[in-house]
Amino acid sequence: MADPNKYKSLSVQKEDWEKLGQLATKTNRTRSKMIGRLIRFFLDNKGVKANGKDKSSKSQIYLSKM
């Protein structure tokens, strides 16, 4: 069991936790790995790319060509 002094609890609706478990099983991952992937996906789609390039830079280049 996780050490409660080290980690905070996560409040999730039961249905969402079960769906996460189904997705994790389907993709052969743990729930923890799925949460990590969701966080990375969220950050990538907010403009903060893993390779250090901003998503908005493409739109700025496109607009400057107009």
PDB file of N, CA and C in Angstrom:
ATOM      1  N   MET A   1       0.843  -1.190   0.000  1.00  0.00           N
ATOM      2  CA  MET A   1       0.000   0.000   0.000  1.00  0.00           C
ATOM      3  C   MET A   1       0.881   1.244   0.000  1.00  0.00           C
ATOM      4  N   ALA A   2       0.417   2.266  -0.641  1.00  0.00           N
ATOM      5  CA  ALA A   2       1.160   3.516  -0.713  1.00  0.00           C
ATOM      6  C   ALA A   2       1.233   4.186   0.653  1.00  0.00           C
ATOM      7  N   ASP A   3       2.330   4.861   0.888  1.00  0.00           N
ATOM      8  CA  ASP A   3       2.537   5.570   2.146  1.00  0.00           C
ATOM      9  C   ASP A   3       1.715   6.854   2.127  1.00  0.00           C
ATOM     10  N   PRO A   4       0.706   7.002   3.004  1.00  0.00           N
ATOM     11  CA  PRO A   4      -0.149   8.199   2.979  1.00  0.00           C
ATOM     12  C   PRO A   4       0.607   9.488   3.323  1.00  0.00           C
ATOM     13  N   ASN A   5       1.760   9.371   3.955  1.00  0.00           N
ATOM     14  CA  ASN A   5       2.558  10.564   4.245  1.00  0.00           C
ATOM     15  C   ASN A   5       3.283  11.067   3.000  1.00  0.00           C
ATOM     16  N   LYS A   6       3.483  10.180   2.039  1.00  0.00           N
ATOM     17  CA  LYS A   6       4.195  10.518   0.816  1.00  0.00           C
ATOM     18  C   LYS A   6       3.262  10.936  -0.319  1.00  0.00           C
ATOM     19  N   TYR A   7       2.095  10.303  -0.373  1.00  0.00           N
ATOM     20  CA  TYR A   7       1.183  10.509  -1.490  1.00  0.00           C
ATOM     21  C   TYR A   7      -0.154  11.044  -1.006  1.00  0.00           C
ATOM     22  N   LYS A   8      -0.765  11.884  -1.815  1.00  0.00           N
ATOM     23  CA  LYS A   8      -2.094  12.393  -1.504  1.00  0.00           C
ATOM     24  C   LYS A   8      -3.132  11.470  -2.119  1.00  0.00           C
ATOM     25  N   SER A   9      -4.315  11.488  -1.566  1.00  0.00           N
ATOM     26  CA  SER A   9      -5.376  10.640  -2.102  1.00  0.00           C
ATOM     27  C   SER A   9      -5.952  11.272  -3.376  1.00  0.00           C
ATOM     28  N   LEU A  10      -6.576  10.443  -4.155  1.00  0.00           N
ATOM     29  CA  LEU A  10      -7.177  10.881  -5.404  1.00  0.00           C
ATOM     30  C   LEU A  10      -8.665  10.575  -5.339  1.00  0.00           C
ATOM     31  N   SER A  11      -9.493  11.607  -5.398  1.00  0.00           N
ATOM     32  CA  SER A  11     -10.937  11.399  -5.349  1.00  0.00           C
ATOM     33  C   SER A  11     -11.466  11.327  -6.776  1.00  0.00           C
ATOM     34  N   VAL A  12     -11.983  10.171  -7.121  1.00  0.00           N
ATOM     35  CA  VAL A  12     -12.494   9.930  -8.466  1.00  0.00           C
ATOM     36  C   VAL A  12     -13.840   9.233  -8.322  1.00  0.00           C
ATOM     37  N   GLN A  13     -14.775   9.584  -9.197  1.00  0.00           N
ATOM     38  CA  GLN A  13     -16.059   8.890  -9.167  1.00  0.00           C
ATOM     39  C   GLN A  13     -15.837   7.426  -9.517  1.00  0.00           C
ATOM     40  N   LYS A  14     -16.646   6.568  -8.923  1.00  0.00           N
ATOM     41  CA  LYS A  14     -16.477   5.128  -9.099  1.00  0.00           C
ATOM     42  C   LYS A  14     -16.565   4.719 -10.573  1.00  0.00           C
ATOM     43  N   GLU A  15     -17.496   5.299 -11.303  1.00  0.00           N
ATOM     44  CA  GLU A  15     -17.673   4.967 -12.724  1.00  0.00           C
ATOM     45  C   GLU A  15     -16.426   5.329 -13.526  1.00  0.00           C
ATOM     46  N   ASP A  16     -15.836   6.497 -13.232  1.00  0.00           N
ATOM     47  CA  ASP A  16     -14.623   6.928 -13.937  1.00  0.00           C
ATOM     48  C   ASP A  16     -13.450   6.010 -13.612  1.00  0.00           C
ATOM     49  N   TRP A  17     -13.356   5.586 -12.338  1.00  0.00           N
ATOM     50  CA  TRP A  17     -12.266   4.692 -11.927  1.00  0.00           C
ATOM     51  C   TRP A  17     -12.394   3.342 -12.630  1.00  0.00           C
ATOM     52  N   GLU A  18     -13.637   2.860 -12.764  1.00  0.00           N
ATOM     53  CA  GLU A  18     -13.875   1.588 -13.452  1.00  0.00           C
ATOM     54  C   GLU A  18     -13.555   1.709 -14.941  1.00  0.00           C
ATOM     55  N   LYS A  19     -13.930   2.839 -15.567  1.00  0.00           N
ATOM     56  CA  LYS A  19     -13.609   3.052 -16.985  1.00  0.00           C
ATOM     57  C   LYS A  19     -12.101   3.111 -17.193  1.00  0.00           C
ATOM     58  N   LEU A  20     -11.408   3.764 -16.274  1.00  0.00           N
ATOM     59  CA  LEU A  20      -9.947   3.836 -16.358  1.00  0.00           C
ATOM     60  C   LEU A  20      -9.344   2.439 -16.248  1.00  0.00           C
ATOM     61  N   GLY A  21      -9.903   1.624 -15.370  1.00  0.00           N
ATOM     62  CA  GLY A  21      -9.448   0.244 -15.232  1.00  0.00           C
ATOM     63  C   GLY A  21      -9.680  -0.567 -16.494  1.00  0.00           C
ATOM     64  N   GLN A  22     -10.826  -0.367 -17.138  1.00  0.00           N
ATOM     65  CA  GLN A  22     -11.123  -1.067 -18.388  1.00  0.00           C
ATOM     66  C   GLN A  22     -10.152  -0.647 -19.489  1.00  0.00           C
ATOM     67  N   LEU A  23      -9.900   0.661 -19.597  1.00  0.00           N
ATOM     68  CA  LEU A  23      -8.947   1.148 -20.602  1.00  0.00           C
ATOM     69  C   LEU A  23      -7.539   0.638 -20.320  1.00  0.00           C
ATOM     70  N   ALA A  24      -7.165   0.621 -19.059  1.00  0.00           N
ATOM     71  CA  ALA A  24      -5.834   0.150 -18.684  1.00  0.00           C
ATOM     72  C   ALA A  24      -5.671  -1.324 -19.042  1.00  0.00           C
ATOM     73  N   THR A  25      -6.681  -2.128 -18.755  1.00  0.00           N
ATOM     74  CA  THR A  25      -6.627  -3.552 -19.080  1.00  0.00           C
ATOM     75  C   THR A  25      -6.586  -3.763 -20.585  1.00  0.00           C
ATOM     76  N   LYS A  26      -7.395  -3.002 -21.303  1.00  0.00           N
ATOM     77  CA  LYS A  26      -7.476  -3.126 -22.764  1.00  0.00           C
ATOM     78  C   LYS A  26      -6.136  -2.788 -23.425  1.00  0.00           C
ATOM     79  N   THR A  27      -5.420  -1.810 -22.864  1.00  0.00           N
ATOM     80  CA  THR A  27      -4.153  -1.366 -23.457  1.00  0.00           C
ATOM     81  C   THR A  27      -2.945  -1.965 -22.748  1.00  0.00           C
ATOM     82  N   ASN A  28      -3.186  -2.911 -21.819  1.00  0.00           N
ATOM     83  CA  ASN A  28      -2.112  -3.598 -21.090  1.00  0.00           C
ATOM     84  C   ASN A  28      -1.230  -2.622 -20.302  1.00  0.00           C
ATOM     85  N   ARG A  29      -1.876  -1.676 -19.605  1.00  0.00           N
ATOM     86  CA  ARG A  29      -1.179  -0.708 -18.753  1.00  0.00           C
ATOM     87  C   ARG A  29      -1.809  -0.730 -17.369  1.00  0.00           C
ATOM     88  N   THR A  30      -1.126  -0.139 -16.414  1.00  0.00           N
ATOM     89  CA  THR A  30      -1.716   0.029 -15.090  1.00  0.00           C
ATOM     90  C   THR A  30      -2.483   1.343 -15.066  1.00  0.00           C
ATOM     91  N   ARG A  31      -3.300   1.526 -14.055  1.00  0.00           N
ATOM     92  CA  ARG A  31      -4.020   2.799 -13.918  1.00  0.00           C
ATOM     93  C   ARG A  31      -3.030   3.954 -13.751  1.00  0.00           C
ATOM     94  N   SER A  32      -1.951   3.715 -13.017  1.00  0.00           N
ATOM     95  CA  SER A  32      -0.947   4.771 -12.819  1.00  0.00           C
ATOM     96  C   SER A  32      -0.338   5.213 -14.138  1.00  0.00           C
ATOM     97  N   LYS A  33      -0.024   4.249 -15.004  1.00  0.00           N
ATOM     98  CA  LYS A  33       0.534   4.592 -16.317  1.00  0.00           C
ATOM     99  C   LYS A  33      -0.495   5.340 -17.161  1.00  0.00           C
ATOM    100  N   MET A  34      -1.753   4.941 -17.048  1.00  0.00           N
ATOM    101  CA  MET A  34      -2.805   5.617 -17.805  1.00  0.00           C
ATOM    102  C   MET A  34      -2.948   7.068 -17.351  1.00  0.00           C
ATOM    103  N   ILE A  35      -2.873   7.310 -16.046  1.00  0.00           N
ATOM    104  CA  ILE A  35      -2.967   8.673 -15.528  1.00  0.00           C
ATOM    105  C   ILE A  35      -1.782   9.494 -16.037  1.00  0.00           C
ATOM    106  N   GLY A  36      -0.587   8.909 -16.037  1.00  0.00           N
ATOM    107  CA  GLY A  36       0.593   9.598 -16.575  1.00  0.00           C
ATOM    108  C   GLY A  36       0.424   9.942 -18.036  1.00  0.00           C
ATOM    109  N   ARG A  37      -0.134   9.016 -18.813  1.00  0.00           N
ATOM    110  CA  ARG A  37      -0.367   9.273 -20.239  1.00  0.00           C
ATOM    111  C   ARG A  37      -1.400  10.377 -20.432  1.00  0.00           C
ATOM    112  N   LEU A  38      -2.438  10.371 -19.601  1.00  0.00           N
ATOM    113  CA  LEU A  38      -3.460  11.418 -19.693  1.00  0.00           C
ATOM    114  C   LEU A  38      -2.872  12.797 -19.403  1.00  0.00           C
ATOM    115  N   ILE A  39      -1.993  12.864 -18.417  1.00  0.00           N
ATOM    116  CA  ILE A  39      -1.357  14.141 -18.079  1.00  0.00           C
ATOM    117  C   ILE A  39      -0.496  14.615 -19.245  1.00  0.00           C
ATOM    118  N   ARG A  40       0.318  13.704 -19.813  1.00  0.00           N
ATOM    119  CA  ARG A  40       1.161  14.083 -20.959  1.00  0.00           C
ATOM    120  C   ARG A  40       0.310  14.498 -22.152  1.00  0.00           C
ATOM    121  N   PHE A  41      -0.788  13.782 -22.405  1.00  0.00           N
ATOM    122  CA  PHE A  41      -1.694  14.118 -23.499  1.00  0.00           C
ATOM    123  C   PHE A  41      -2.280  15.510 -23.294  1.00  0.00           C
ATOM    124  N   PHE A  42      -2.707  15.793 -22.066  1.00  0.00           N
ATOM    125  CA  PHE A  42      -3.272  17.104 -21.758  1.00  0.00           C
ATOM    126  C   PHE A  42      -2.242  18.213 -21.991  1.00  0.00           C
ATOM    127  N   LEU A  43      -1.030  18.010 -21.499  1.00  0.00           N
ATOM    128  CA  LEU A  43       0.013  19.026 -21.665  1.00  0.00           C
ATOM    129  C   LEU A  43       0.374  19.225 -23.134  1.00  0.00           C
ATOM    130  N   ASP A  44       0.455  18.145 -23.889  1.00  0.00           N
ATOM    131  CA  ASP A  44       0.772  18.244 -25.315  1.00  0.00           C
ATOM    132  C   ASP A  44      -0.293  19.018 -26.070  1.00  0.00           C
ATOM    133  N   ASN A  45      -1.538  18.856 -25.676  1.00  0.00           N
ATOM    134  CA  ASN A  45      -2.627  19.521 -26.384  1.00  0.00           C
ATOM    135  C   ASN A  45      -2.918  20.922 -25.871  1.00  0.00           C
ATOM    136  N   LYS A  46      -2.211  21.348 -24.851  1.00  0.00           N
ATOM    137  CA  LYS A  46      -2.341  22.721 -24.363  1.00  0.00           C
ATOM    138  C   LYS A  46      -1.238  23.611 -24.929  1.00  0.00           C
ATOM    139  N   GLY A  47      -0.446  23.079 -25.849  1.00  0.00           N
ATOM    140  CA  GLY A  47       0.590  23.881 -26.463  1.00  0.00           C
ATOM    141  C   GLY A  47       1.978  23.619 -25.930  1.00  0.00           C
ATOM    142  N   VAL A  48       2.104  22.855 -24.866  1.00  0.00           N
ATOM    143  CA  VAL A  48       3.410  22.543 -24.301  1.00  0.00           C
ATOM    144  C   VAL A  48       3.808  21.169 -24.841  1.00  0.00           C
ATOM    145  N   LYS A  49       4.632  21.144 -25.884  1.00  0.00           N
ATOM    146  CA  LYS A  49       5.017  19.889 -26.516  1.00  0.00           C
ATOM    147  C   LYS A  49       6.224  19.286 -25.821  1.00  0.00           C
ATOM    148  N   ALA A  50       6.326  17.969 -25.895  1.00  0.00           N
ATOM    149  CA  ALA A  50       7.426  17.253 -25.260  1.00  0.00           C
ATOM    150  C   ALA A  50       8.768  17.591 -25.903  1.00  0.00           C
ATOM    151  N   ASN A  51       8.764  17.927 -27.190  1.00  0.00           N
ATOM    152  CA  ASN A  51      10.011  18.236 -27.872  1.00  0.00           C
ATOM    153  C   ASN A  51      10.409  19.712 -27.726  1.00  0.00           C
ATOM    154  N   GLY A  52       9.678  20.451 -26.927  1.00  0.00           N
ATOM    155  CA  GLY A  52      10.034  21.831 -26.651  1.00  0.00           C
ATOM    156  C   GLY A  52       9.470  22.843 -27.632  1.00  0.00           C
ATOM    157  N   LYS A  53       8.746  22.391 -28.645  1.00  0.00           N
ATOM    158  CA  LYS A  53       8.163  23.312 -29.622  1.00  0.00           C
ATOM    159  C   LYS A  53       6.739  23.643 -29.218  1.00  0.00           C
ATOM    160  N   ASP A  54       6.393  24.881 -29.373  1.00  0.00           N
ATOM    161  CA  ASP A  54       5.061  25.350 -29.011  1.00  0.00           C
ATOM    162  C   ASP A  54       4.110  25.093 -30.172  1.00  0.00           C
ATOM    163  N   LYS A  55       2.914  24.577 -29.887  1.00  0.00           N
ATOM    164  CA  LYS A  55       1.928  24.325 -30.938  1.00  0.00           C
ATOM    165  C   LYS A  55       1.525  25.614 -31.644  1.00  0.00           C
ATOM    166  N   SER A  56       1.486  26.711 -30.929  1.00  0.00           N
ATOM    167  CA  SER A  56       1.015  27.958 -31.510  1.00  0.00           C
ATOM    168  C   SER A  56       2.010  28.545 -32.505  1.00  0.00           C
ATOM    169  N   SER A  57       3.260  28.077 -32.525  1.00  0.00           N
ATOM    170  CA  SER A  57       4.243  28.634 -33.445  1.00  0.00           C
ATOM    171  C   SER A  57       3.860  28.361 -34.899  1.00  0.00           C
ATOM    172  N   LYS A  58       3.213  27.228 -35.180  1.00  0.00           N
ATOM    173  CA  LYS A  58       2.776  26.922 -36.534  1.00  0.00           C
ATOM    174  C   LYS A  58       1.693  27.900 -36.974  1.00  0.00           C
ATOM    175  N   SER A  59       0.756  28.193 -36.099  1.00  0.00           N
ATOM    176  CA  SER A  59      -0.318  29.103 -36.470  1.00  0.00           C
ATOM    177  C   SER A  59       0.218  30.523 -36.658  1.00  0.00           C
ATOM    178  N   GLN A  60       1.234  30.912 -35.909  1.00  0.00           N
ATOM    179  CA  GLN A  60       1.807  32.235 -36.079  1.00  0.00           C
ATOM    180  C   GLN A  60       2.516  32.349 -37.422  1.00  0.00           C
ATOM    181  N   ILE A  61       3.209  31.308 -37.819  1.00  0.00           N
ATOM    182  CA  ILE A  61       3.877  31.311 -39.119  1.00  0.00           C
ATOM    183  C   ILE A  61       2.844  31.379 -40.219  1.00  0.00           C
ATOM    184  N   TYR A  62       1.767  30.619 -40.096  1.00  0.00           N
ATOM    185  CA  TYR A  62       0.728  30.612 -41.086  1.00  0.00           C
ATOM    186  C   TYR A  62       0.088  31.986 -41.201  1.00  0.00           C
ATOM    187  N   LEU A  63      -0.182  32.620 -40.084  1.00  0.00           N
ATOM    188  CA  LEU A  63      -0.815  33.927 -40.116  1.00  0.00           C
ATOM    189  C   LEU A  63       0.118  34.978 -40.694  1.00  0.00           C
ATOM    190  N   SER A  64       1.410  34.843 -40.476  1.00  0.00           N
ATOM    191  CA  SER A  64       2.331  35.850 -40.993  1.00  0.00           C
ATOM    192  C   SER A  64       2.479  35.749 -42.505  1.00  0.00           C
ATOM    193  N   LYS A  65       2.184  34.605 -43.110  1.00  0.00           N
ATOM    194  CA  LYS A  65       2.278  34.441 -44.547  1.00  0.00           C
ATOM    195  C   LYS A  65       1.083  35.034 -45.262  1.00  0.00           C
ATOM    196  N   MET A  66       0.010  35.298 -44.542  1.00  0.00           N
ATOM    197  CA  MET A  66      -1.218  35.804 -45.166  1.00  0.00           C
ATOM    198  C   MET A  66      -1.114  37.237 -45.561  1.00  0.00           C
TER     199      MET A  66
END
